[in-house]
Amino acid sequence: MPYSPLLVNPMREELSTAGFEELTTADSVDAWMNNKEGTALLVINSVCGCAAGMARPGVRMAVEHSMRPDRLATVFAGQDVEATARARGHMADVPPSSPSMAMFKDGELVFFLPRHRIEGRAAEDVASELRESFEEHCATGSNG
């Protein structure tokens, strides 16, 4: 049974206010994933402590970087079950992990940050690892 929206909405807003599109249905995930042009970051959000203390703050810091993905989206594990399953289906070779972050370039998965590399780290460390991925995969001057 999903958590109450009263509890989860602030966790959703942490990413939506940072410019992440919320993908709440399987169809919305497919539509987002079918746009294969450029770079895209998909965050699998979660209610766990490492999402609150490390993942969401880290990803918010990372997307403030001058070089970042063209598109940002999020699904919420345990809340938007079908959307999360569909998102994971687009990363078939990657074991399910939440929270986690997946970077796509021209529709191909080029970077994945699973829970075990988020847990126990500082949000700044998570942000730094994401920024390194942005610098490697994102074109200079993308996302205006």
Protein backbone atom coordinates (compact mmCIF):
# COMPACT_ATOMS: atom_id res chain seq x y z
CA MET A 1 0.00 0.00 0.00
CA PRO A 2 1.50 3.37 -1.01
CA TYR A 3 2.17 6.01 1.60
CA SER A 4 -0.29 8.86 2.08
CA PRO A 5 0.04 11.70 -0.45
CA LEU A 6 0.34 14.05 2.56
CA LEU A 7 3.61 12.35 3.42
CA VAL A 8 4.89 11.85 -0.12
CA ASN A 9 4.01 15.18 -1.76
CA PRO A 10 6.90 17.11 -0.14
CA MET A 11 9.28 14.37 -1.37
CA ARG A 12 7.88 14.75 -4.89
CA GLU A 13 8.10 18.55 -4.71
CA GLU A 14 11.78 18.39 -3.80
CA LEU A 15 12.45 17.26 -7.36
CA SER A 16 9.57 18.91 -9.24
CA THR A 17 10.57 22.35 -7.94
CA ALA A 18 14.10 21.65 -9.24
CA GLY A 19 12.71 21.17 -12.76
CA PHE A 20 12.03 17.43 -12.83
CA GLU A 21 8.98 16.24 -14.74
CA GLU A 22 6.96 13.74 -12.71
CA LEU A 23 6.19 10.58 -14.64
CA THR A 24 3.28 8.94 -12.85
CA THR A 25 2.00 6.50 -15.48
CA ALA A 26 3.55 3.88 -17.73
CA ASP A 27 2.41 5.91 -20.76
CA SER A 28 4.14 9.07 -19.48
CA VAL A 29 7.37 7.08 -19.00
CA ASP A 30 7.13 5.70 -22.55
CA ALA A 31 6.50 9.17 -23.99
CA TRP A 32 9.47 10.60 -22.09
CA MET A 33 11.77 7.71 -23.00
CA ASN A 34 10.71 7.81 -26.68
CA ASN A 35 12.30 11.26 -26.98
CA LYS A 36 15.80 9.95 -27.59
CA GLU A 37 17.46 13.20 -28.62
CA GLY A 38 20.13 14.66 -26.34
CA THR A 39 20.71 13.84 -22.70
CA ALA A 40 18.20 12.92 -20.04
CA LEU A 41 18.38 12.18 -16.32
CA LEU A 42 15.79 9.93 -14.72
CA VAL A 43 15.65 9.78 -10.92
CA ILE A 44 13.91 6.89 -9.22
CA ASN A 45 12.70 8.58 -6.06
CA SER A 46 11.94 6.81 -2.77
CA VAL A 47 10.66 7.46 0.76
CA CYS A 48 13.77 5.96 2.37
CA GLY A 49 16.23 7.90 4.48
CA CYS A 50 19.02 7.79 1.90
CA ALA A 51 16.67 9.41 -0.63
CA ALA A 52 15.87 12.19 1.83
CA GLY A 53 19.39 12.77 3.12
CA MET A 54 21.58 12.02 0.12
CA ALA A 55 19.80 11.34 -3.19
CA ARG A 56 17.33 14.22 -3.53
CA PRO A 57 19.65 16.87 -2.05
CA GLY A 58 22.53 15.54 -4.16
CA VAL A 59 20.60 15.57 -7.40
CA ARG A 60 19.26 19.07 -6.67
CA MET A 61 22.83 20.30 -6.18
CA ALA A 62 24.01 18.53 -9.34
CA VAL A 63 21.40 20.05 -11.65
CA GLU A 64 22.50 23.54 -10.58
CA HIS A 65 25.71 22.84 -12.52
CA SER A 66 26.24 24.85 -15.71
CA MET A 67 26.41 21.62 -17.70
CA ARG A 68 23.45 19.34 -17.08
CA PRO A 69 21.10 17.04 -19.00
CA ASP A 70 18.63 18.46 -21.49
CA ARG A 71 15.68 16.75 -19.82
CA LEU A 72 14.96 15.79 -16.20
CA ALA A 73 12.30 13.39 -14.97
CA THR A 74 11.42 11.29 -11.96
CA VAL A 75 9.34 8.27 -11.03
CA PHE A 76 8.47 7.41 -7.45
CA ALA A 77 9.16 3.81 -6.38
CA GLY A 78 6.44 2.33 -4.20
CA GLN A 79 4.04 5.11 -5.16
CA ASP A 80 3.71 5.15 -8.94
CA VAL A 81 4.19 1.40 -9.30
CA GLU A 82 3.41 1.02 -13.02
CA ALA A 83 5.50 4.04 -13.98
CA THR A 84 8.46 2.78 -11.95
CA ALA A 85 8.18 -0.72 -13.45
CA ARG A 86 8.07 0.74 -16.96
CA ALA A 87 11.08 2.97 -16.24
CA ARG A 88 13.02 -0.03 -14.96
CA GLY A 89 12.01 -1.90 -18.11
CA HIS A 90 13.97 0.68 -20.10
CA MET A 91 17.03 -0.34 -18.05
CA ALA A 92 16.60 -4.10 -18.35
CA ASP A 93 20.24 -4.97 -17.61
CA VAL A 94 20.27 -2.92 -14.38
CA PRO A 95 18.92 -4.49 -11.16
CA PRO A 96 16.06 -2.51 -9.56
CA SER A 97 17.35 0.08 -7.12
CA SER A 98 15.70 2.96 -5.33
CA PRO A 99 16.69 5.61 -5.00
CA SER A 100 18.80 5.66 -8.13
CA MET A 101 19.69 7.88 -11.07
CA ALA A 102 19.99 6.96 -14.73
CA MET A 103 21.56 9.12 -17.43
CA PHE A 104 20.64 8.55 -21.05
CA LYS A 105 22.32 9.98 -24.13
CA ASP A 106 20.43 9.72 -27.40
CA GLY A 107 18.26 7.05 -25.78
CA GLU A 108 21.13 4.88 -24.53
CA LEU A 109 21.87 4.33 -20.84
CA VAL A 110 25.35 5.80 -20.25
CA PHE A 111 25.48 6.15 -16.45
CA PHE A 112 23.65 4.60 -13.50
CA LEU A 113 23.99 5.49 -9.83
CA PRO A 114 22.37 2.76 -7.70
CA ARG A 115 21.30 2.91 -4.08
CA HIS A 116 24.42 1.15 -2.79
CA ARG A 117 26.54 4.01 -4.19
CA ILE A 118 24.23 6.61 -2.59
CA GLU A 119 23.74 5.16 0.90
CA GLY A 120 26.19 6.37 3.51
CA ARG A 121 27.65 9.13 1.33
CA ALA A 122 27.22 12.86 1.71
CA ALA A 123 24.79 14.61 -0.64
CA GLU A 124 27.77 16.61 -1.93
CA ASP A 125 29.50 13.37 -2.97
CA VAL A 126 26.39 12.22 -4.85
CA ALA A 127 26.21 15.63 -6.55
CA SER A 128 29.88 15.46 -7.50
CA GLU A 129 29.50 12.04 -9.11
CA LEU A 130 26.46 13.24 -11.07
CA ARG A 131 28.26 16.40 -12.20
CA GLU A 132 31.15 14.26 -13.48
CA SER A 133 28.65 12.29 -15.55
CA PHE A 134 27.10 15.52 -16.83
CA GLU A 135 30.53 16.80 -17.87
CA GLU A 136 31.27 13.55 -19.68
CA HIS A 137 27.95 13.17 -21.49
CA CYS A 138 26.26 16.56 -21.83
CA ALA A 139 27.07 18.95 -24.65
CA THR A 140 28.48 22.34 -23.71
CA GLY A 141 25.76 24.94 -23.52
CA SER A 142 22.90 22.44 -23.56
CA ASN A 143 19.72 23.20 -21.64
CA GLY A 144 20.24 26.95 -21.95
